[in-house]
Amino acid sequence: MKIRAIALAAIMSTTSFVGIAQAENVLRWTSQGDALTLDPMSQNEGPTNSMNGQIYEPLVTRDREMVLEAALAESWAPVGATGWEFKLRKGVKFHDGADFTAEDVAFSITRAQSKSSDFKEQVKSIKEVKIIDDHTVQFVTDGPNPILPNEITNLYMMDKGWAEKNKVLTPQDYAAGEETFAVRNANGTGPFIVEQRLPDELTVLVKNPNWWGAASAEHNLDKVEYRPIKNAATRVAALLSGEVDFVLDPPLQDLQRIAAQDGLKTQTINQIRTIFFGMDQGVDELRSSDVKGKNPFKDVRVRQALYQAIDIEAIKRVVMEGLSFPAGMITSPGVHGFTKELDARPPFDPEASKKLLAEAGYPDGFSVQLDCPNDRYNNDEKICQATVAMLAKIGVKVKLDAIPKSQHFPKIKNRVSDFYMLGWGVPTLDSHYVFAYLLHSKGGWNGTGYANAKVDELTDAFAVETDLAKRDQMIAEAWKIVKDDVVYLPLHHQVIGWGMSTKLDLPILPNDSPQFRWAKMQ
């Protein structure tokens, strides 16, 4: 019996691979950095959410115009002052054939609230999930939450039974380097199924024929192959030679060359993402500085000095090829709470910077290390290199450590970085997401150590405020406080450019997340 079972499994496996080999439409694509994990709740990071979003699905998603639309929930509505009810889509199957039900929703919310989850903030307000029936759930919140549907567009639903079977009831602890079954394996409800996962080498997805949206699917893909290519020139060469059909992040300076080649095209759009520097103001002594016994970043004059020493227009012109918008706040147009007034930067003025440093007690400057990713944002390492040269002119001697994002992000999360680059997108399109993660004293990505009781109070208050005019006043007040405190050093709002074959129809989105459910290959 065992021999027969093995033989049958081999035949099924062979049949499966034959079917895949006959796939007609294969989309081959690349970018500079891979998804960090396939565990959909371990890392709230753009490329990771993007990859997992091909496999898993949320209750609520966004359409091409970034407007909320139904996914695994067909409808949703507030229930009283402290709750939301979601009507679940019927007939949905996970990739292994299990039914998607309200139990999976309740499990997924609980899992997302785990200590190792990077999505705790999105579900923090949910104190109970009531299962009304197999296809109806109610989220009971600890107070009014007018933006709950916006907060869960990147929260993907998991199969409770699969998680129990494979011992992944809690998310991978990424910062601790934990390895679990969910890191390389997945069982979602989405349009694509994981066939092969070799981190930092190759990820192969195949069409899910049993996807609930298959009957009206806009895509015609049979297979998606992703190979990360760190070197920018090599990525472009792969596109120019036809080795890949789509490059998510070609160098901005190469967009014209790509567009000029027969059979290729480019698309650009203003991204909902801002790039900035963070400074650890919370420790008593910096780890990498020659200043001992005190922390220069605790002094707002020092932070202001660094801010005004950065020639952002030069970075825009020389490094970004003009494809960026200088920023004065750490969120971008399109996010509720953004205003042009708050987005104004102080003038570039290195002489003023030197005076501020002298007033703060550092007339000769000081030394510090700048931690920078080299495979995440547009020209990230080049931006950091330019900044190092600019800060040197005011006496701040910066040692640059440019490393892969898989090593860079844990340094921020574990609070072991003095000075670092970060980029922040806002899937909720609301300022609360920025404050909750980056500016609240308990924010999961607040590597600055910034703690302001009033900002915490306002953040908690506008999370539950239903009077929209009053809520807007709170948001504006909070933004003014953190801008005056120079908590971060804003750089610019990103512009993104995609390069692809003219045979591929794939809409570019301001969240820089390709949705292959809309992709068509000629």
Protein backbone atom coordinates (compact mmCIF):
# COMPACT_ATOMS: atom_id res chain seq x y z
CA MET A 1 0.00 0.00 0.00
CA LYS A 2 2.84 2.39 0.87
CA ILE A 3 4.59 1.71 -2.48
CA ARG A 4 1.35 2.28 -4.39
CA ALA A 5 0.75 5.54 -2.49
CA ILE A 6 4.24 6.78 -3.30
CA ALA A 7 3.83 5.86 -6.95
CA LEU A 8 0.49 7.66 -7.12
CA ALA A 9 2.00 10.77 -5.52
CA ALA A 10 4.83 10.71 -8.06
CA ILE A 11 2.38 10.46 -10.95
CA MET A 12 0.32 13.36 -9.58
CA SER A 13 3.46 15.45 -9.10
CA THR A 14 4.66 14.69 -12.64
CA THR A 15 1.25 15.52 -14.06
CA SER A 16 1.25 18.80 -12.17
CA PHE A 17 4.64 19.83 -13.54
CA VAL A 18 3.68 18.85 -17.09
CA GLY A 19 0.64 21.08 -16.82
CA ILE A 20 2.76 23.95 -15.57
CA ALA A 21 5.34 23.43 -18.31
CA GLN A 22 2.60 23.93 -20.88
CA ALA A 23 1.67 27.31 -19.41
CA GLU A 24 1.09 29.81 -22.19
CA ASN A 25 1.39 33.10 -20.33
CA VAL A 26 4.40 33.36 -18.03
CA LEU A 27 5.21 36.72 -16.47
CA ARG A 28 8.88 37.02 -15.51
CA TRP A 29 9.76 39.98 -13.34
CA THR A 30 12.39 41.38 -11.02
CA SER A 31 13.22 44.08 -8.48
CA GLN A 32 16.17 44.81 -6.24
CA GLY A 33 14.96 43.06 -3.09
CA ASP A 34 12.91 39.99 -2.27
CA ALA A 35 9.95 39.66 0.07
CA LEU A 36 11.28 39.20 3.59
CA THR A 37 8.93 36.32 4.39
CA LEU A 38 5.77 34.58 3.20
CA ASP A 39 4.28 34.79 6.69
CA PRO A 40 1.63 37.45 6.00
CA MET A 41 1.71 38.91 9.52
CA SER A 42 5.42 38.85 10.29
CA GLN A 43 6.66 41.92 8.39
CA ASN A 44 4.62 44.97 7.42
CA GLU A 45 6.96 45.93 4.57
CA GLY A 46 5.97 47.01 1.07
CA PRO A 47 7.52 44.32 -1.17
CA THR A 48 6.61 41.66 1.39
CA ASN A 49 2.97 42.76 1.50
CA SER A 50 2.97 42.96 -2.29
CA MET A 51 4.20 39.38 -2.75
CA ASN A 52 1.89 38.02 -0.07
CA GLY A 53 -0.99 39.94 -1.61
CA GLN A 54 -0.79 37.76 -4.72
CA ILE A 55 -1.30 34.68 -2.54
CA TYR A 56 -3.41 35.81 0.41
CA GLU A 57 -6.34 38.24 0.51
CA PRO A 58 -7.79 40.75 2.99
CA LEU A 59 -11.44 41.32 3.82
CA VAL A 60 -11.27 44.75 2.19
CA THR A 61 -8.90 45.84 -0.57
CA ARG A 62 -8.38 48.84 -2.86
CA ASP A 63 -9.16 49.33 -6.52
CA ARG A 64 -7.06 51.06 -9.19
CA GLU A 65 -8.04 54.47 -7.79
CA MET A 66 -7.11 53.38 -4.24
CA VAL A 67 -10.78 53.35 -3.23
CA LEU A 68 -11.97 50.64 -0.85
CA GLU A 69 -13.57 47.63 -2.54
CA ALA A 70 -14.81 44.21 -1.51
CA ALA A 71 -12.41 41.25 -1.30
CA LEU A 72 -13.17 38.37 1.08
CA ALA A 73 -15.90 40.51 2.64
CA GLU A 74 -18.73 41.35 0.27
CA SER A 75 -19.95 44.21 2.46
CA TRP A 76 -19.27 45.92 5.78
CA ALA A 77 -21.09 48.38 7.99
CA PRO A 78 -20.77 49.91 11.47
CA VAL A 79 -22.69 48.25 14.28
CA GLY A 80 -23.57 50.70 17.02
CA ALA A 81 -20.84 53.03 18.24
CA THR A 82 -18.16 50.40 18.82
CA GLY A 83 -18.33 47.76 16.16
CA TRP A 84 -18.24 46.73 12.52
CA GLU A 85 -20.01 43.86 10.81
CA PHE A 86 -18.52 42.07 7.80
CA LYS A 87 -20.52 39.82 5.48
CA LEU A 88 -18.11 37.24 4.10
CA ARG A 89 -17.98 36.01 0.53
CA LYS A 90 -19.46 32.52 0.18
CA GLY A 91 -17.87 29.65 -1.73
CA VAL A 92 -14.28 30.81 -1.13
CA LYS A 93 -11.66 28.06 -0.88
CA PHE A 94 -8.13 28.11 0.41
CA HIS A 95 -5.49 26.73 -1.92
CA ASP A 96 -5.63 23.34 -0.21
CA GLY A 97 -9.40 23.13 -0.73
CA ALA A 98 -10.51 24.10 2.79
CA ASP A 99 -13.52 26.41 3.10
CA PHE A 100 -12.99 30.02 4.15
CA THR A 101 -15.30 30.81 7.08
CA ALA A 102 -15.77 33.20 9.95
CA GLU A 103 -13.54 31.00 12.13
CA ASP A 104 -10.61 31.82 9.87
CA VAL A 105 -11.33 35.54 10.27
CA ALA A 106 -11.43 35.28 14.05
CA PHE A 107 -8.20 33.27 14.02
CA SER A 108 -6.46 35.73 11.70
CA ILE A 109 -7.35 38.72 13.88
CA THR A 110 -6.06 36.93 16.98
CA ARG A 111 -2.87 35.94 15.16
CA ALA A 112 -2.34 39.52 13.99
CA GLN A 113 -2.58 40.68 17.61
CA SER A 114 0.28 38.38 18.67
CA LYS A 115 3.46 39.86 20.08
CA SER A 116 5.52 38.82 17.04
CA SER A 117 3.04 40.32 14.57
CA ASP A 118 4.01 43.47 12.68
CA PHE A 119 0.31 44.25 12.18
CA LYS A 120 -0.69 44.69 15.82
CA GLU A 121 -1.42 48.36 15.33
CA GLN A 122 -4.03 47.77 12.63
CA VAL A 123 -6.06 45.49 14.89
CA LYS A 124 -5.25 47.04 18.26
CA SER A 125 -8.74 48.49 18.62
CA ILE A 126 -10.47 45.11 18.16
CA LYS A 127 -11.23 43.60 21.56
CA GLU A 128 -13.51 40.80 20.38
CA VAL A 129 -14.51 39.01 17.19
CA LYS A 130 -18.06 37.71 17.32
CA ILE A 131 -18.91 34.88 14.94
CA ILE A 132 -22.55 35.41 14.01
CA ASP A 133 -22.60 32.57 11.49
CA ASP A 134 -20.18 30.97 9.01
CA HIS A 135 -20.23 34.05 6.81
CA THR A 136 -20.83 36.91 9.23
CA VAL A 137 -18.45 38.40 11.78
CA GLN A 138 -18.62 41.41 14.02
CA PHE A 139 -15.55 43.23 15.29
CA VAL A 140 -16.19 44.78 18.70
CA THR A 141 -13.78 47.67 19.26
CA ASP A 142 -12.64 49.28 22.50
CA GLY A 143 -14.13 52.56 21.33
CA PRO A 144 -15.35 54.10 18.10
CA ASN A 145 -13.06 53.34 15.16
CA PRO A 146 -14.24 55.22 12.07
CA ILE A 147 -11.35 54.02 9.90
CA LEU A 148 -11.26 50.29 10.73
CA PRO A 149 -11.96 49.11 7.14
CA ASN A 150 -9.05 51.30 5.96
CA GLU A 151 -6.75 49.74 8.54
CA ILE A 152 -7.16 46.14 7.38
CA THR A 153 -6.54 46.39 3.63
CA ASN A 154 -3.14 44.69 4.09
CA LEU A 155 -4.29 42.24 6.75
CA TYR A 156 -4.47 38.89 4.98
CA MET A 157 -6.73 36.05 6.09
CA MET A 158 -5.19 32.68 6.99
CA ASP A 159 -6.61 29.18 7.28
CA LYS A 160 -6.92 28.24 10.94
CA GLY A 161 -6.68 24.51 10.23
CA TRP A 162 -3.55 24.88 8.11
CA ALA A 163 -1.90 27.04 10.77
CA GLU A 164 -2.70 24.49 13.48
CA LYS A 165 -1.45 21.59 11.35
CA ASN A 166 1.84 23.32 10.55
CA LYS A 167 2.40 24.83 14.00
CA VAL A 168 2.28 28.47 12.87
CA LEU A 169 -0.39 29.77 15.24
CA THR A 170 1.70 32.90 15.83
CA PRO A 171 3.65 34.94 13.28
CA GLN A 172 7.33 34.40 12.65
CA ASP A 173 9.51 36.51 14.95
CA TYR A 174 11.49 38.06 12.13
CA ALA A 175 13.69 40.31 14.25
CA ALA A 176 14.83 37.26 16.21
CA GLY A 177 15.63 35.32 13.03
CA GLU A 178 12.97 32.69 13.62
CA GLU A 179 12.28 30.15 10.85
CA THR A 180 8.80 28.59 10.63
CA PHE A 181 6.79 26.63 8.06
CA ALA A 182 4.92 29.80 7.06
CA VAL A 183 8.15 31.55 6.04
CA ARG A 184 8.50 29.52 2.82
CA ASN A 185 5.03 28.01 2.45
CA ALA A 186 1.58 29.53 2.09
CA ASN A 187 -2.08 28.60 1.88
CA GLY A 188 -4.13 31.60 0.87
CA THR A 189 -7.33 32.27 -1.04
CA GLY A 190 -5.77 34.54 -3.66
CA PRO A 191 -5.41 34.27 -7.43
CA PHE A 192 -1.94 32.68 -7.27
CA ILE A 193 -0.51 29.62 -5.53
CA VAL A 194 3.09 29.20 -4.36
CA GLU A 195 4.82 26.50 -6.40
CA GLN A 196 8.40 27.24 -5.40
CA ARG A 197 10.04 29.54 -2.87
CA LEU A 198 13.79 30.02 -2.71
CA PRO A 199 14.34 33.25 -0.74
CA ASP A 200 16.52 35.80 -2.54
CA GLU A 201 16.69 33.47 -5.59
CA LEU A 202 13.37 32.48 -7.11
CA THR A 203 9.67 32.53 -6.30
CA VAL A 204 7.25 30.80 -8.65
CA LEU A 205 3.51 31.37 -8.46
CA VAL A 206 0.93 29.55 -10.57
CA LYS A 207 -2.66 30.44 -11.37
CA ASN A 208 -5.26 29.34 -8.85
CA PRO A 209 -7.98 27.74 -11.02
CA ASN A 210 -10.34 27.62 -8.04
CA TRP A 211 -10.03 31.28 -7.13
CA TRP A 212 -13.42 32.76 -6.29
CA GLY A 213 -12.76 35.53 -8.81
CA ALA A 214 -11.63 33.21 -11.63
CA ALA A 215 -14.87 33.50 -13.62
CA SER A 216 -14.48 37.25 -13.98
CA ALA A 217 -10.68 37.42 -13.69
CA GLU A 218 -9.00 40.22 -15.58
CA HIS A 219 -5.59 38.54 -15.69
CA ASN A 220 -4.63 35.83 -18.16
CA LEU A 221 -1.46 34.63 -16.44
CA ASP A 222 -0.67 30.98 -15.94
CA LYS A 223 2.55 31.52 -14.07
CA VAL A 224 4.57 34.29 -12.41
CA GLU A 225 8.33 33.94 -11.92
CA TYR A 226 10.14 36.40 -9.67
CA ARG A 227 13.93 36.63 -9.45
CA PRO A 228 15.41 39.47 -7.37
CA ILE A 229 18.39 41.19 -9.02
CA LYS A 230 20.23 43.51 -6.67
CA ASN A 231 22.45 45.20 -9.26
CA ALA A 232 20.57 47.98 -11.05
CA ALA A 233 22.46 47.70 -14.34
CA THR A 234 21.84 43.96 -14.42
CA ARG A 235 18.10 44.48 -13.86
CA VAL A 236 17.92 46.87 -16.79
CA ALA A 237 20.00 44.56 -18.96
CA ALA A 238 17.60 41.72 -18.18
CA LEU A 239 14.69 43.84 -19.40
CA LEU A 240 16.49 45.10 -22.50
CA SER A 241 17.47 41.56 -23.49
CA GLY A 242 13.99 40.15 -22.94
CA GLU A 243 15.07 37.95 -20.04
CA VAL A 244 12.32 39.55 -17.92
CA ASP A 245 9.04 41.21 -18.87
CA PHE A 246 8.78 43.65 -15.99
CA VAL A 247 11.19 45.59 -13.75
CA LEU A 248 9.54 47.17 -10.72
CA ASP A 249 12.40 49.54 -9.92
CA PRO A 250 14.61 50.43 -12.88
CA PRO A 251 17.03 53.26 -12.09
CA LEU A 252 15.32 56.56 -12.74
CA GLN A 253 18.13 57.63 -15.04
CA ASP A 254 17.41 54.62 -17.29
CA LEU A 255 13.71 55.26 -17.86
CA GLN A 256 14.24 57.20 -21.09
CA ARG A 257 16.57 54.52 -22.47
CA ILE A 258 14.02 51.82 -21.69
CA ALA A 259 11.15 53.75 -23.26
CA ALA A 260 13.21 54.37 -26.41
CA GLN A 261 13.73 50.67 -27.10
CA ASP A 262 11.29 48.87 -29.38
CA GLY A 263 9.06 46.50 -27.47
CA LEU A 264 9.47 48.27 -24.13
CA LYS A 265 7.59 51.00 -22.26
CA THR A 266 7.68 52.85 -18.95
CA GLN A 267 5.12 54.19 -16.51
CA THR A 268 5.60 56.70 -13.69
CA ILE A 269 3.40 57.88 -10.83
CA ASN A 270 3.71 59.83 -7.58
CA GLN A 271 4.04 57.23 -4.87
CA ILE A 272 2.32 57.34 -1.50
CA ARG A 273 5.67 57.04 0.26
CA THR A 274 8.04 59.49 1.91
CA ILE A 275 11.76 58.94 2.47
CA PHE A 276 13.39 60.37 5.61
CA PHE A 277 16.09 59.95 8.24
CA GLY A 278 15.48 58.94 11.84
CA MET A 279 17.70 59.87 14.81
CA ASP A 280 17.72 58.03 18.12
CA GLN A 281 16.85 60.75 20.62
CA GLY A 282 15.90 58.33 23.37
CA VAL A 283 19.25 56.91 24.44
CA ASP A 284 21.61 58.74 26.77
CA GLU A 285 24.67 58.04 24.61
CA LEU A 286 24.89 57.18 20.93
CA ARG A 287 26.54 53.88 20.11
CA SER A 288 28.59 55.09 17.16
CA SER A 289 29.52 58.66 18.14
CA ASP A 290 32.75 60.16 19.48
CA VAL A 291 30.59 62.15 21.92
CA LYS A 292 30.54 60.30 25.23
CA GLY A 293 28.23 60.78 28.19
CA LYS A 294 25.51 62.52 26.22
CA ASN A 295 23.49 62.26 23.03
CA PRO A 296 23.72 65.12 20.50
CA PHE A 297 20.39 64.11 18.94
CA LYS A 298 18.56 64.94 22.16
CA ASP A 299 19.07 68.62 21.31
CA VAL A 300 16.55 69.95 18.80
CA ARG A 301 19.17 72.44 17.57
CA VAL A 302 21.36 69.56 16.42
CA ARG A 303 18.46 67.91 14.62
CA GLN A 304 17.58 71.23 12.98
CA ALA A 305 21.21 71.71 11.99
CA LEU A 306 21.31 68.39 10.16
CA TYR A 307 17.99 69.18 8.50
CA GLN A 308 19.18 72.50 7.06
CA ALA A 309 22.50 71.04 5.95
CA ILE A 310 20.81 68.67 3.48
CA ASP A 311 20.54 70.19 0.02
CA ILE A 312 17.42 68.34 -1.04
CA GLU A 313 17.18 70.18 -4.36
CA ALA A 314 20.65 68.93 -5.28
CA ILE A 315 19.60 65.40 -4.36
CA LYS A 316 16.50 65.80 -6.51
CA ARG A 317 18.49 67.13 -9.45
CA VAL A 318 21.59 64.93 -9.34
CA VAL A 319 20.56 61.72 -7.60
CA MET A 320 16.86 61.45 -8.38
CA GLU A 321 16.94 62.73 -11.98
CA GLY A 322 14.21 65.22 -11.02
CA LEU A 323 11.81 62.42 -10.07
CA SER A 324 11.10 63.33 -6.45
CA PHE A 325 9.28 66.02 -4.51
CA PRO A 326 11.13 67.63 -1.57
CA ALA A 327 9.27 66.95 1.67
CA GLY A 328 8.73 68.85 4.89
CA MET A 329 6.65 66.17 6.58
CA ILE A 330 7.00 62.41 6.66
CA THR A 331 3.81 61.63 4.79
CA SER A 332 2.79 62.37 1.25
CA PRO A 333 -0.04 63.98 -0.74
CA GLY A 334 -3.03 61.66 -0.80
CA VAL A 335 -2.80 60.89 2.92
CA HIS A 336 -5.49 62.46 5.10
CA GLY A 337 -3.81 65.15 7.23
CA PHE A 338 -1.23 66.18 4.65
CA THR A 339 -1.12 69.91 3.90
CA LYS A 340 1.14 72.01 1.68
CA GLU A 341 1.83 74.34 4.61
CA LEU A 342 3.17 71.56 6.81
CA ASP A 343 5.11 70.13 3.88
CA ALA A 344 7.26 73.28 3.53
CA ARG A 345 10.93 72.73 4.34
CA PRO A 346 13.27 75.15 6.13
CA PRO A 347 15.81 76.71 3.75
CA PHE A 348 19.02 74.89 2.93
CA ASP A 349 21.53 76.87 4.99
CA PRO A 350 24.79 75.18 6.07
CA GLU A 351 26.02 78.37 7.77
CA ALA A 352 22.90 78.41 9.95
CA SER A 353 23.57 74.72 10.65
CA LYS A 354 27.09 75.47 11.90
CA LYS A 355 25.75 78.17 14.23
CA LEU A 356 23.12 75.81 15.61
CA LEU A 357 25.76 73.14 16.28
CA ALA A 358 27.96 75.69 18.06
CA GLU A 359 25.03 76.87 20.19
CA ALA A 360 24.33 73.26 21.11
CA GLY A 361 27.93 72.77 22.23
CA TYR A 362 29.34 71.06 19.15
CA PRO A 363 31.33 73.78 17.33
CA ASP A 364 33.58 71.13 15.76
CA GLY A 365 30.73 68.76 15.00
CA PHE A 366 30.72 65.09 16.01
CA SER A 367 30.81 61.64 14.44
CA VAL A 368 27.97 59.15 13.95
CA GLN A 369 27.08 56.16 11.78
CA LEU A 370 24.28 56.34 9.21
CA ASP A 371 22.50 53.05 8.56
CA CYS A 372 21.06 52.82 5.07
CA PRO A 373 19.41 50.07 3.00
CA ASN A 374 20.94 49.40 -0.40
CA ASP A 375 18.10 47.41 -1.95
CA ARG A 376 14.82 49.02 -0.90
CA TYR A 377 14.13 52.60 -2.08
CA ASN A 378 14.93 54.51 -5.25
CA ASN A 379 18.65 55.32 -5.11
CA ASP A 380 18.69 54.72 -1.37
CA GLU A 381 22.45 54.24 -1.02
CA LYS A 382 23.20 57.15 -3.36
CA ILE A 383 20.97 59.45 -1.29
CA CYS A 384 22.86 58.41 1.83
CA GLN A 385 26.22 58.96 0.13
CA ALA A 386 25.19 62.46 -0.92
CA THR A 387 23.99 63.22 2.61
CA VAL A 388 27.29 62.06 4.12
CA ALA A 389 29.12 64.59 1.93
CA MET A 390 26.70 67.40 2.83
CA LEU A 391 26.92 66.80 6.58
CA ALA A 392 30.70 66.74 6.39
CA LYS A 393 30.57 70.40 5.34
CA ILE A 394 29.12 71.34 8.74
CA GLY A 395 31.57 69.19 10.68
CA VAL A 396 29.38 66.13 11.22
CA LYS A 397 31.52 63.15 10.26
CA VAL A 398 29.24 60.35 9.10
CA LYS A 399 30.29 56.76 8.55
CA LEU A 400 27.91 55.10 6.09
CA ASP A 401 26.81 51.49 6.57
CA ALA A 402 24.72 50.49 3.52
CA ILE A 403 23.34 46.98 3.87
CA PRO A 404 20.45 44.84 2.54
CA LYS A 405 17.02 45.66 3.91
CA SER A 406 16.79 42.23 5.55
CA GLN A 407 19.61 43.34 7.87
CA HIS A 408 18.73 47.04 8.00
CA PHE A 409 15.12 46.90 9.20
CA PRO A 410 15.80 44.72 12.29
CA LYS A 411 18.31 47.35 13.46
CA ILE A 412 15.51 49.91 13.53
CA LYS A 413 12.98 47.55 15.10
CA ASN A 414 15.50 46.42 17.74
CA ARG A 415 16.55 50.04 18.52
CA VAL A 416 20.24 49.56 17.78
CA SER A 417 20.59 52.26 15.12
CA ASP A 418 21.68 55.82 15.94
CA PHE A 419 20.86 57.37 12.58
CA TYR A 420 18.98 55.63 9.79
CA MET A 421 17.04 55.92 6.55
CA LEU A 422 13.44 54.78 6.35
CA GLY A 423 10.63 55.12 3.85
CA TRP A 424 6.98 55.01 4.86
CA GLY A 425 3.94 54.23 2.77
CA VAL A 426 0.44 54.60 4.16
CA PRO A 427 -2.00 51.87 3.06
CA THR A 428 -4.80 53.37 5.19
CA LEU A 429 -4.35 56.79 3.51
CA ASP A 430 -4.78 58.32 6.97
CA SER A 431 -2.28 60.10 9.24
CA HIS A 432 -3.12 57.86 12.17
CA TYR A 433 -1.09 55.08 10.53
CA VAL A 434 1.99 57.32 10.54
CA PHE A 435 1.58 58.44 14.12
CA ALA A 436 0.73 55.00 15.46
CA TYR A 437 3.86 53.41 14.02
CA LEU A 438 6.44 56.20 13.85
CA LEU A 439 5.55 58.90 16.39
CA HIS A 440 3.65 57.31 19.27
CA SER A 441 5.98 56.39 22.12
CA LYS A 442 4.91 52.74 21.73
CA GLY A 443 5.04 52.75 17.93
CA GLY A 444 6.47 49.54 16.50
CA TRP A 445 8.71 51.39 14.03
CA ASN A 446 9.59 54.34 16.26
CA GLY A 447 13.34 53.85 16.32
CA THR A 448 13.85 57.44 17.44
CA GLY A 449 12.86 56.93 21.06
CA TYR A 450 10.69 60.04 20.71
CA ALA A 451 8.08 60.19 23.46
CA ASN A 452 5.73 63.13 23.75
CA ALA A 453 2.74 62.71 26.05
CA LYS A 454 0.63 65.19 24.07
CA VAL A 455 1.35 63.43 20.77
CA ASP A 456 0.45 60.10 22.36
CA GLU A 457 -2.77 61.61 23.70
CA LEU A 458 -3.72 63.10 20.33
CA THR A 459 -2.85 59.89 18.46
CA ASP A 460 -5.05 57.82 20.75
CA ALA A 461 -7.82 60.44 20.57
CA PHE A 462 -8.09 60.84 16.81
CA ALA A 463 -8.10 57.05 16.45
CA VAL A 464 -11.61 57.03 17.95
CA GLU A 465 -12.96 60.51 17.15
CA THR A 466 -16.06 60.38 14.91
CA ASP A 467 -16.54 64.15 14.63
CA LEU A 468 -14.48 64.59 11.45
CA ALA A 469 -13.88 68.33 11.87
CA LYS A 470 -12.67 67.82 15.43
CA ARG A 471 -10.55 64.88 14.30
CA ASP A 472 -8.89 66.99 11.61
CA GLN A 473 -7.99 69.62 14.19
CA MET A 474 -6.34 66.95 16.35
CA ILE A 475 -4.34 65.61 13.41
CA ALA A 476 -3.16 69.10 12.44
CA GLU A 477 -2.14 69.85 16.04
CA ALA A 478 -0.17 66.63 16.29
CA TRP A 479 1.63 67.25 13.00
CA LYS A 480 2.65 70.74 14.11
CA ILE A 481 4.12 69.42 17.35
CA VAL A 482 6.28 66.78 15.69
CA LYS A 483 7.33 69.17 12.93
CA ASP A 484 8.46 71.75 15.52
CA ASP A 485 10.26 69.00 17.44
CA VAL A 486 12.13 67.90 14.27
CA VAL A 487 11.56 64.27 15.18
CA TYR A 488 12.61 63.07 11.71
CA LEU A 489 14.49 64.65 8.81
CA PRO A 490 12.12 64.50 5.82
CA LEU A 491 13.80 64.08 2.44
CA HIS A 492 11.30 63.62 -0.38
CA HIS A 493 8.11 62.01 -1.59
CA GLN A 494 9.04 59.26 -4.02
CA VAL A 495 8.15 59.09 -7.67
CA ILE A 496 8.19 55.54 -8.97
CA GLY A 497 8.83 54.28 -12.47
CA TRP A 498 8.11 50.82 -13.87
CA GLY A 499 9.71 49.36 -17.00
CA MET A 500 8.03 46.57 -18.94
CA SER A 501 7.42 44.84 -22.21
CA THR A 502 4.79 46.37 -24.48
CA LYS A 503 3.24 42.88 -24.46
CA LEU A 504 2.33 43.39 -20.80
CA ASP A 505 -0.66 45.39 -19.64
CA LEU A 506 -0.20 46.13 -15.93
CA PRO A 507 -1.57 49.30 -14.27
CA ILE A 508 0.89 51.21 -12.11
CA LEU A 509 -0.37 52.05 -8.63
CA PRO A 510 0.76 54.78 -6.20
CA ASN A 511 1.50 52.17 -3.53
CA ASP A 512 4.14 50.60 -5.84
CA SER A 513 2.48 47.21 -5.46
CA PRO A 514 1.82 45.39 -8.74
CA GLN A 515 -1.51 43.60 -8.79
CA PHE A 516 -1.07 40.63 -11.08
CA ARG A 517 -4.80 39.89 -10.88
CA TRP A 518 -5.06 42.76 -13.38
CA ALA A 519 -2.10 41.74 -15.57
CA LYS A 520 -2.54 40.68 -19.19
CA MET A 521 0.12 39.24 -21.48
CA GLN A 522 -0.31 39.43 -25.25
